[in-house]
Amino acid sequence: MKPRVADYETLVDDVRDLRAFALTSDLESLATAARLMGESKATVSRRITRLETALGTALLRRSPRAIETTDEGILYRARVAEVLALLGDANAVAQGTRATPSGQLRVTAPPGLGESLAPMLAQFSVAYPEVAVSVHIGSRYVDIEAERFDVALRITTKLADSSLVVQRVGTGVALERIVVAAPSYLEAHPAPRRVQDLGAHRILGAEAHEASAMSTLVFRLHGNDKVTMSLPVALASTDIVLVRDIVVEGAGVGILPRMLVQRYLEDGRLVHLLPGVVAPNVNLYLLHRGGRFVPPKVKAFIDFAKRMLVAPPPKTARHSTPRR
């Protein structure tokens, strides 16, 4: 019996039509997509119209002010992404070379990573000029697939189960949470001499989402002894950078990642309380979609993150002198 021939009908005569749609959808700009493709806006617009006609549905809503992807376009874009990436990889294999990282890389990260992300992204952009990076900073955990992100960075003690591929890219001293306060706060409130003294202080953002909530933390002391404390939270926010800035203003005591406060300790805007006492480490994870093929742009970003993302060990900073 003669084997059945696969039906490779695509409804698309020119794969560049797919690229025109994908770039315009990601960048929300015909002009930027045209520049990346080396074509005119009119040509890119015709490509998208031709694709929409072939599919029999509108993929983009275009107006002089904005470009929005339709619901059908969002679903189509999510499935076209792997097709374009696989095609690029197949072309590279056929040419006997590794695919060059290129295209749009969408990254989501939590607040507080900006100071660590900036130098990495600067060097990444120089090393891979064909990758256009778009970074979204927010405390909400996004749905990577539904919202078309390539990579998510998350700081947590434990990740929820998912189908995503997880790479741990940072842990250790830089991510330790330490106890800090502003000099102005310490002028009015005696510095704590031991962990138990924290119960008498205004605690800001100690992993609580509502003010007046009780937050339970396990502190590691000298010699790896541990103390568990339930602390009332006077003020909380899902934005950890905002919490740090409020601590700097003298409103209370913060228990924050070392890398987020290190610069402020060095210049004296914050004081390190209870040296040697830390809350359990959190880890920095990089998540991306699974599958047999990881796009070169994602592989390159992972390599950079592993090498550069976590801040170096702390320099000498001011510590508190307990008041008697």
Protein backbone atom coordinates (compact mmCIF):
# COMPACT_ATOMS: atom_id res chain seq x y z
CA MET A 1 0.00 0.00 0.00
CA LYS A 2 1.35 3.38 -0.97
CA PRO A 3 2.11 5.56 2.10
CA ARG A 4 -0.15 8.52 2.62
CA VAL A 5 1.39 11.85 1.74
CA ALA A 6 1.05 14.50 4.43
CA ASP A 7 -1.01 17.56 3.57
CA TYR A 8 1.23 20.58 4.05
CA GLU A 9 -1.36 23.16 3.00
CA THR A 10 -0.56 26.35 4.91
CA LEU A 11 -2.76 29.00 3.23
CA VAL A 12 0.38 31.17 3.34
CA ASP A 13 2.44 31.65 0.19
CA ASP A 14 5.18 33.81 1.71
CA VAL A 15 6.53 33.06 5.20
CA ARG A 16 7.54 36.71 5.45
CA ASP A 17 3.83 37.48 5.76
CA LEU A 18 3.87 35.50 9.02
CA ARG A 19 6.94 37.40 10.22
CA ALA A 20 5.32 40.74 9.35
CA PHE A 21 2.26 39.85 11.41
CA ALA A 22 4.28 38.47 14.35
CA LEU A 23 6.55 41.51 14.57
CA THR A 24 3.70 44.00 14.24
CA SER A 25 1.67 42.15 16.87
CA ASP A 26 4.58 42.02 19.33
CA LEU A 27 5.82 45.57 18.79
CA GLU A 28 2.39 47.14 18.20
CA SER A 29 4.02 49.22 15.48
CA LEU A 30 4.03 48.87 11.71
CA ALA A 31 6.96 51.27 11.44
CA THR A 32 9.18 49.29 13.81
CA ALA A 33 8.24 45.98 12.19
CA ALA A 34 9.01 47.43 8.76
CA ARG A 35 12.39 48.70 9.95
CA LEU A 36 13.34 45.28 11.30
CA MET A 37 12.26 43.61 8.06
CA GLY A 38 13.98 46.18 5.86
CA GLU A 39 10.74 46.98 4.08
CA SER A 40 8.32 49.88 3.84
CA LYS A 41 5.28 50.26 6.08
CA ALA A 42 3.04 49.84 3.06
CA THR A 43 4.67 46.52 2.17
CA VAL A 44 4.34 45.18 5.69
CA SER A 45 0.71 46.31 5.81
CA ARG A 46 -0.01 44.51 2.51
CA ARG A 47 1.60 41.35 3.85
CA ILE A 48 -0.69 41.37 6.90
CA THR A 49 -3.77 42.07 4.78
CA ARG A 50 -2.85 39.18 2.47
CA LEU A 51 -2.45 36.86 5.47
CA GLU A 52 -5.80 37.93 6.93
CA THR A 53 -7.49 37.36 3.56
CA ALA A 54 -5.99 33.87 3.25
CA LEU A 55 -7.13 32.96 6.77
CA GLY A 56 -10.51 34.63 6.45
CA THR A 57 -10.21 36.49 9.75
CA ALA A 58 -8.89 39.78 11.13
CA LEU A 59 -5.66 39.38 13.09
CA LEU A 60 -4.98 43.05 13.90
CA ARG A 61 -7.07 46.15 14.52
CA ARG A 62 -5.22 49.04 12.92
CA SER A 63 -5.88 52.73 13.48
CA PRO A 64 -3.75 55.89 13.18
CA ARG A 65 -3.26 55.84 16.96
CA ALA A 66 -2.71 52.21 17.83
CA ILE A 67 -2.42 48.61 16.68
CA GLU A 68 -4.16 45.90 18.69
CA THR A 69 -4.12 42.15 18.18
CA THR A 70 -7.59 40.58 17.95
CA ASP A 71 -8.55 37.54 20.01
CA GLU A 72 -8.10 35.37 16.93
CA GLY A 73 -4.76 37.08 16.29
CA ILE A 74 -3.54 36.33 19.83
CA LEU A 75 -4.27 32.62 19.39
CA TYR A 76 -2.68 32.57 15.94
CA ARG A 77 0.40 34.47 17.15
CA ALA A 78 0.98 32.00 19.99
CA ARG A 79 1.03 29.08 17.56
CA VAL A 80 3.00 30.81 14.84
CA ALA A 81 5.83 31.63 17.29
CA GLU A 82 7.17 28.08 17.41
CA VAL A 83 6.70 27.64 13.66
CA LEU A 84 8.91 30.65 12.92
CA ALA A 85 11.50 29.58 15.50
CA LEU A 86 11.63 26.02 14.14
CA LEU A 87 11.93 27.32 10.61
CA GLY A 88 14.86 29.53 11.59
CA ASP A 89 16.54 26.59 13.29
CA ALA A 90 15.93 24.30 10.29
CA ASN A 91 17.48 26.89 7.98
CA ALA A 92 20.53 27.13 10.22
CA VAL A 93 20.92 23.34 10.32
CA ALA A 94 20.65 23.13 6.54
CA GLN A 95 23.38 25.75 6.26
CA GLY A 96 25.57 23.89 8.76
CA THR A 97 25.50 26.75 11.30
CA ARG A 98 23.86 27.52 14.63
CA ALA A 99 20.88 29.82 14.46
CA THR A 100 21.74 33.40 15.36
CA PRO A 101 19.60 34.75 18.22
CA SER A 102 17.12 37.20 16.71
CA GLY A 103 13.57 38.47 16.92
CA GLN A 104 11.45 39.86 19.73
CA LEU A 105 12.23 38.62 23.27
CA ARG A 106 9.52 39.45 25.80
CA VAL A 107 10.59 39.20 29.45
CA THR A 108 8.56 39.63 32.64
CA ALA A 109 10.27 40.24 35.99
CA PRO A 110 9.24 41.24 39.52
CA PRO A 111 9.95 44.66 41.05
CA GLY A 112 13.33 44.85 42.72
CA LEU A 113 15.38 43.27 39.95
CA GLY A 114 15.88 46.47 37.96
CA GLU A 115 19.34 47.27 39.31
CA SER A 116 20.54 43.74 38.52
CA LEU A 117 18.76 43.51 35.18
CA ALA A 118 20.10 46.79 33.79
CA PRO A 119 23.77 45.82 33.31
CA MET A 120 22.84 42.39 32.01
CA LEU A 121 20.36 43.75 29.47
CA ALA A 122 22.84 46.40 28.33
CA GLN A 123 25.50 43.78 27.60
CA PHE A 124 22.95 41.37 26.13
CA SER A 125 21.78 44.02 23.66
CA VAL A 126 25.34 44.68 22.54
CA ALA A 127 26.13 40.97 22.19
CA TYR A 128 22.90 40.18 20.31
CA PRO A 129 21.87 43.26 18.32
CA GLU A 130 19.30 41.28 16.32
CA VAL A 131 17.25 40.55 19.45
CA ALA A 132 14.73 43.25 20.37
CA VAL A 133 14.09 42.96 24.13
CA SER A 134 10.87 44.11 25.78
CA VAL A 135 10.80 43.96 29.62
CA HIS A 136 7.63 44.08 31.71
CA ILE A 137 8.11 44.76 35.44
CA GLY A 138 5.22 43.81 37.70
CA SER A 139 4.39 41.91 40.87
CA ARG A 140 1.59 39.90 39.23
CA TYR A 141 2.50 36.40 38.06
CA VAL A 142 1.70 36.50 34.36
CA ASP A 143 0.51 33.57 32.27
CA ILE A 144 3.51 33.24 29.97
CA GLU A 145 1.70 31.41 27.18
CA ALA A 146 -1.54 33.39 27.23
CA GLU A 147 0.26 36.75 27.43
CA ARG A 148 2.98 35.83 24.89
CA PHE A 149 6.06 36.17 27.09
CA ASP A 150 9.21 34.24 26.24
CA VAL A 151 10.82 34.33 29.68
CA ALA A 152 9.66 34.98 33.25
CA LEU A 153 11.97 35.79 36.16
CA ARG A 154 10.58 35.00 39.61
CA ILE A 155 11.97 35.41 43.13
CA THR A 156 10.44 32.92 45.54
CA THR A 157 11.18 30.19 48.06
CA LYS A 158 9.09 27.65 46.14
CA LEU A 159 7.56 27.52 42.68
CA ALA A 160 4.12 26.16 41.95
CA ASP A 161 3.97 23.12 39.69
CA SER A 162 3.56 23.92 36.00
CA SER A 163 4.46 22.69 32.53
CA LEU A 164 7.09 25.42 32.18
CA VAL A 165 10.81 24.69 32.06
CA VAL A 166 12.54 26.06 35.17
CA GLN A 167 16.15 27.21 35.44
CA ARG A 168 17.49 28.39 38.79
CA VAL A 169 19.73 31.34 37.92
CA GLY A 170 20.44 32.83 41.32
CA THR A 171 20.69 32.07 45.01
CA GLY A 172 22.99 32.85 47.90
CA VAL A 173 24.19 35.98 49.69
CA ALA A 174 22.69 38.52 47.29
CA LEU A 175 19.18 37.13 47.80
CA GLU A 176 19.34 36.84 51.58
CA ARG A 177 16.75 38.93 53.36
CA ILE A 178 18.25 41.12 56.04
CA VAL A 179 16.84 43.52 58.63
CA VAL A 180 17.27 47.23 57.80
CA ALA A 181 16.02 50.64 58.88
CA ALA A 182 16.76 54.28 58.16
CA PRO A 183 18.87 56.37 60.55
CA SER A 184 15.90 58.69 61.05
CA TYR A 185 13.76 55.79 62.30
CA LEU A 186 16.51 54.67 64.70
CA GLU A 187 16.73 58.15 66.20
CA ALA A 188 13.23 57.64 67.63
CA HIS A 189 13.28 53.87 68.15
CA PRO A 190 16.04 51.89 69.92
CA ALA A 191 17.70 49.47 67.51
CA PRO A 192 16.79 45.82 68.20
CA ARG A 193 19.51 43.84 69.94
CA ARG A 194 18.01 40.43 69.17
CA VAL A 195 15.40 38.98 66.83
CA GLN A 196 12.75 38.90 69.54
CA ASP A 197 12.96 42.72 69.82
CA LEU A 198 11.47 43.07 66.32
CA GLY A 199 7.99 42.56 67.77
CA ALA A 200 8.20 46.07 69.26
CA HIS A 201 8.93 47.72 65.89
CA ARG A 202 6.91 48.80 62.86
CA ILE A 203 7.50 46.06 60.28
CA LEU A 204 7.06 47.01 56.65
CA GLY A 205 6.21 44.50 53.95
CA ALA A 206 7.40 41.30 55.64
CA GLU A 207 5.78 39.01 53.06
CA ALA A 208 2.29 40.20 53.93
CA HIS A 209 -0.32 41.47 51.51
CA GLU A 210 -2.52 43.30 53.99
CA ALA A 211 -1.64 45.80 56.69
CA SER A 212 -2.22 44.52 60.24
CA ALA A 213 -1.67 40.95 59.05
CA MET A 214 0.67 38.70 60.98
CA SER A 215 3.69 37.51 59.03
CA THR A 216 5.56 34.42 60.19
CA LEU A 217 9.26 34.36 59.39
CA VAL A 218 12.02 31.93 60.20
CA PHE A 219 15.31 33.71 60.97
CA ARG A 220 18.69 32.04 60.76
CA LEU A 221 21.07 33.17 63.49
CA HIS A 222 24.79 32.74 64.10
CA GLY A 223 25.75 29.07 64.04
CA ASN A 224 22.65 28.22 61.92
CA ASP A 225 20.30 28.32 64.91
CA LYS A 226 16.77 29.28 63.90
CA VAL A 227 14.07 31.41 65.50
CA THR A 228 10.48 31.61 64.27
CA MET A 229 8.72 34.93 64.76
CA SER A 230 5.17 36.10 64.03
CA LEU A 231 5.34 39.82 63.38
CA PRO A 232 2.49 42.31 62.88
CA VAL A 233 2.86 44.22 59.62
CA ALA A 234 2.19 47.96 59.83
CA LEU A 235 2.38 48.59 56.09
CA ALA A 236 2.60 46.20 53.16
CA SER A 237 2.77 46.32 49.39
CA THR A 238 3.17 43.83 46.56
CA ASP A 239 5.80 46.22 45.16
CA ILE A 240 8.97 45.43 47.10
CA VAL A 241 10.76 48.51 45.71
CA LEU A 242 8.04 50.70 47.18
CA VAL A 243 8.51 48.97 50.54
CA ARG A 244 12.25 49.66 50.42
CA ASP A 245 11.66 53.32 49.61
CA ILE A 246 9.23 53.66 52.51
CA VAL A 247 11.83 52.11 54.82
CA VAL A 248 14.36 54.67 53.53
CA GLU A 249 11.88 57.41 54.48
CA GLY A 250 12.05 56.24 58.11
CA ALA A 251 8.61 54.66 58.47
CA GLY A 252 9.75 51.37 59.97
CA VAL A 253 11.91 48.26 59.75
CA GLY A 254 12.21 46.26 56.54
CA ILE A 255 13.22 42.62 56.00
CA LEU A 256 14.40 42.82 52.42
CA PRO A 257 16.72 41.06 49.92
CA ARG A 258 20.31 42.17 50.37
CA MET A 259 20.75 43.01 46.69
CA LEU A 260 17.79 45.39 46.88
CA VAL A 261 19.26 47.43 49.76
CA GLN A 262 23.04 47.03 49.37
CA ARG A 263 23.61 50.39 47.67
CA TYR A 264 21.57 52.14 50.36
CA LEU A 265 23.62 50.48 53.10
CA GLU A 266 26.85 51.60 51.46
CA ASP A 267 25.80 55.25 51.22
CA GLY A 268 24.28 55.37 54.73
CA ARG A 269 20.63 55.80 53.79
CA LEU A 270 19.90 52.48 55.50
CA VAL A 271 21.45 50.72 58.49
CA HIS A 272 21.91 46.96 58.71
CA LEU A 273 20.31 45.75 61.94
CA LEU A 274 21.11 42.46 63.63
CA PRO A 275 24.17 41.56 61.51
CA GLY A 276 24.44 37.83 61.00
CA VAL A 277 20.67 37.36 61.21
CA VAL A 278 18.94 36.55 57.92
CA ALA A 279 15.58 35.28 56.80
CA PRO A 280 15.77 32.07 54.72
CA ASN A 281 17.13 32.51 51.23
CA VAL A 282 14.84 32.91 48.29
CA ASN A 283 15.84 31.72 44.84
CA LEU A 284 15.77 33.48 41.49
CA TYR A 285 14.20 31.34 38.78
CA LEU A 286 13.95 31.74 35.04
CA LEU A 287 10.93 30.08 33.42
CA HIS A 288 10.19 29.50 29.76
CA ARG A 289 7.93 27.33 27.64
CA GLY A 290 8.88 23.70 27.18
CA GLY A 291 9.19 21.71 23.99
CA ARG A 292 11.94 20.05 22.03
CA PHE A 293 13.20 23.33 20.64
CA VAL A 294 14.25 26.33 22.72
CA PRO A 295 14.69 29.43 20.49
CA PRO A 296 18.29 30.70 20.28
CA LYS A 297 17.23 34.06 21.72
CA VAL A 298 15.93 32.31 24.87
CA LYS A 299 19.03 30.13 25.17
CA ALA A 300 21.25 33.20 24.89
CA PHE A 301 19.23 35.04 27.55
CA ILE A 302 19.44 32.08 29.93
CA ASP A 303 23.23 31.94 29.53
CA PHE A 304 23.53 35.66 30.31
CA ALA A 305 21.22 35.37 33.32
CA LYS A 306 23.20 32.49 34.81
CA ARG A 307 26.43 34.45 34.57
CA MET A 308 25.35 37.94 35.50
CA LEU A 309 21.98 38.36 37.11
CA VAL A 310 22.64 38.00 40.83
CA ALA A 311 24.51 40.85 42.47
CA PRO A 312 28.05 40.23 43.82
CA PRO A 313 28.71 39.61 47.54
CA PRO A 314 28.14 42.70 49.67
CA LYS A 315 30.76 45.29 50.46
CA THR A 316 31.34 46.61 53.95
CA ALA A 317 28.35 48.66 55.05
CA ARG A 318 27.16 50.47 58.14
CA HIS A 319 25.79 48.34 60.95
CA SER A 320 23.76 49.43 63.91
CA THR A 321 25.12 50.07 67.38
CA PRO A 322 22.50 48.80 69.85
CA ARG A 323 21.20 51.47 72.20
CA ARG A 324 21.31 50.68 75.85
